[in-house]
C-alpha cells in the first residue's frame, strides 16, 4: 500500500480516562489530566461537563453516568 492509502479516513481521537465515583454514587469518566488536577483542589471536571467532588475510596459499587458512558475514550487500568 502506498503512503497515501489512508487519505480521507478520519482519525479517531481518544482520551485516556479513569472512573471516579461522586458523593451521590454515580461513576463518571475523568481524563487522566483532570484527575491529576482534581487531586489538588478536590473537584474533578468530568467528560460529561460536570464538576464533582469525589466520594471516599471505599464507596460502594456505583451506577454509571449516562452522559459520560457513550463518549469514545480509552480507559486506563
C-alpha atoms as a PDB file:
ATOM      1  CA  UNK A   1       0.000   0.000   0.000  1.00  0.00           C
ATOM      2  CA  UNK A   2       1.188   3.484  -0.806  1.00  0.00           C
ATOM      3  CA  UNK A   3       1.838   6.182   1.703  1.00  0.00           C
ATOM      4  CA  UNK A   4      -1.372   7.986   0.704  1.00  0.00           C
ATOM      5  CA  UNK A   5      -3.698   4.983   1.055  1.00  0.00           C
ATOM      6  CA  UNK A   6      -5.238   6.278   4.320  1.00  0.00           C
ATOM      7  CA  UNK A   7      -6.117   9.715   2.977  1.00  0.00           C
ATOM      8  CA  UNK A   8      -9.707  10.657   3.633  1.00  0.00           C
ATOM      9  CA  UNK A   9     -10.077   8.250   6.567  1.00  0.00           C
ATOM     10  CA  UNK A  10     -10.944  10.264   9.684  1.00  0.00           C
ATOM     11  CA  UNK A  11      -8.647   9.698  12.617  1.00  0.00           C
ATOM     12  CA  UNK A  12     -10.395   8.678  15.820  1.00  0.00           C
ATOM     13  CA  UNK A  13      -9.256  10.788  18.744  1.00  0.00           C
ATOM     14  CA  UNK A  14      -9.256   9.012  22.086  1.00  0.00           C
ATOM     15  CA  UNK A  15      -8.783  10.344  25.575  1.00  0.00           C
ATOM     16  CA  UNK A  16      -7.202   8.212  28.280  1.00  0.00           C
ATOM     17  CA  UNK A  17      -9.630   8.129  31.216  1.00  0.00           C
ATOM     18  CA  UNK A  18     -10.306   6.726  34.628  1.00  0.00           C
ATOM     19  CA  UNK A  19     -13.565   6.434  36.541  1.00  0.00           C
ATOM     20  CA  UNK A  20     -14.466   8.481  39.576  1.00  0.00           C
ATOM     21  CA  UNK A  21     -17.441   7.907  41.887  1.00  0.00           C
ATOM     22  CA  UNK A  22     -19.106  11.064  43.150  1.00  0.00           C
ATOM     23  CA  UNK A  23     -20.823  11.529  46.505  1.00  0.00           C
ATOM     24  CA  UNK A  24     -24.211  10.502  45.055  1.00  0.00           C
ATOM     25  CA  UNK A  25     -22.805   7.124  43.952  1.00  0.00           C
ATOM     26  CA  UNK A  26     -22.579   7.855  40.226  1.00  0.00           C
ATOM     27  CA  UNK A  27     -19.451   6.819  38.316  1.00  0.00           C
ATOM     28  CA  UNK A  28     -18.154   9.477  35.904  1.00  0.00           C
ATOM     29  CA  UNK A  29     -15.328   9.341  33.391  1.00  0.00           C
ATOM     30  CA  UNK A  30     -12.494  11.749  34.093  1.00  0.00           C
ATOM     31  CA  UNK A  31      -9.471  12.350  31.866  1.00  0.00           C
ATOM     32  CA  UNK A  32      -6.121  11.473  33.397  1.00  0.00           C
ATOM     33  CA  UNK A  33      -5.133  15.164  33.254  1.00  0.00           C
ATOM     34  CA  UNK A  34      -8.351  16.268  35.011  1.00  0.00           C
ATOM     35  CA  UNK A  35      -7.819  13.596  37.671  1.00  0.00           C
ATOM     36  CA  UNK A  36      -4.320  14.912  38.365  1.00  0.00           C
ATOM     37  CA  UNK A  37      -5.611  18.500  38.609  1.00  0.00           C
ATOM     38  CA  UNK A  38      -8.509  17.439  40.827  1.00  0.00           C
ATOM     39  CA  UNK A  39      -6.220  15.941  43.439  1.00  0.00           C
ATOM     40  CA  UNK A  40      -5.012  19.421  44.359  1.00  0.00           C
ATOM     41  CA  UNK A  41      -8.392  21.140  44.554  1.00  0.00           C
ATOM     42  CA  UNK A  42     -10.695  18.255  45.441  1.00  0.00           C
ATOM     43  CA  UNK A  43     -13.046  18.914  42.496  1.00  0.00           C
ATOM     44  CA  UNK A  44     -12.886  16.941  39.279  1.00  0.00           C
ATOM     45  CA  UNK A  45     -14.017  18.011  35.791  1.00  0.00           C
ATOM     46  CA  UNK A  46     -15.815  15.055  34.176  1.00  0.00           C
ATOM     47  CA  UNK A  47     -16.171  14.282  30.468  1.00  0.00           C
ATOM     48  CA  UNK A  48     -19.920  14.968  30.647  1.00  0.00           C
ATOM     49  CA  UNK A  49     -19.153  18.547  31.710  1.00  0.00           C
ATOM     50  CA  UNK A  50     -19.845  18.125  35.401  1.00  0.00           C
ATOM     51  CA  UNK A  51     -17.699  19.333  38.232  1.00  0.00           C
ATOM     52  CA  UNK A  52     -17.863  16.753  41.021  1.00  0.00           C
ATOM     53  CA  UNK A  53     -16.412  16.056  44.441  1.00  0.00           C
ATOM     54  CA  UNK A  54     -15.087  12.526  44.731  1.00  0.00           C
ATOM     55  CA  UNK A  55     -16.540  10.083  47.254  1.00  0.00           C
ATOM     56  CA  UNK A  56     -14.370   8.172  49.693  1.00  0.00           C
ATOM     57  CA  UNK A  57     -12.214   5.417  48.242  1.00  0.00           C
ATOM     58  CA  UNK A  58     -14.448   2.896  49.995  1.00  0.00           C
ATOM     59  CA  UNK A  59     -17.555   3.927  48.009  1.00  0.00           C
ATOM     60  CA  UNK A  60     -19.985   1.159  47.130  1.00  0.00           C
ATOM     61  CA  UNK A  61     -20.487  -0.031  43.573  1.00  0.00           C
ATOM     62  CA  UNK A  62     -21.873   2.812  41.502  1.00  0.00           C
ATOM     63  CA  UNK A  63     -24.272   3.393  38.652  1.00  0.00           C
ATOM     64  CA  UNK A  64     -22.756   4.933  35.539  1.00  0.00           C
ATOM     65  CA  UNK A  65     -23.346   8.481  34.322  1.00  0.00           C
ATOM     66  CA  UNK A  66     -25.417   8.278  31.139  1.00  0.00           C
ATOM     67  CA  UNK A  67     -23.669  11.298  29.647  1.00  0.00           C
ATOM     68  CA  UNK A  68     -20.126  10.020  30.238  1.00  0.00           C
ATOM     69  CA  UNK A  69     -20.747   6.414  29.171  1.00  0.00           C
ATOM     70  CA  UNK A  70     -21.197   6.823  25.382  1.00  0.00           C
ATOM     71  CA  UNK A  71     -18.177   9.087  24.876  1.00  0.00           C
ATOM     72  CA  UNK A  72     -15.377   7.403  22.891  1.00  0.00           C
ATOM     73  CA  UNK A  73     -12.459   7.054  25.263  1.00  0.00           C
ATOM     74  CA  UNK A  74      -9.623   4.748  26.100  1.00  0.00           C
ATOM     75  CA  UNK A  75      -9.974   3.537  29.658  1.00  0.00           C
ATOM     76  CA  UNK A  76      -6.822   3.079  31.643  1.00  0.00           C
ATOM     77  CA  UNK A  77      -6.310   0.320  34.148  1.00  0.00           C
END
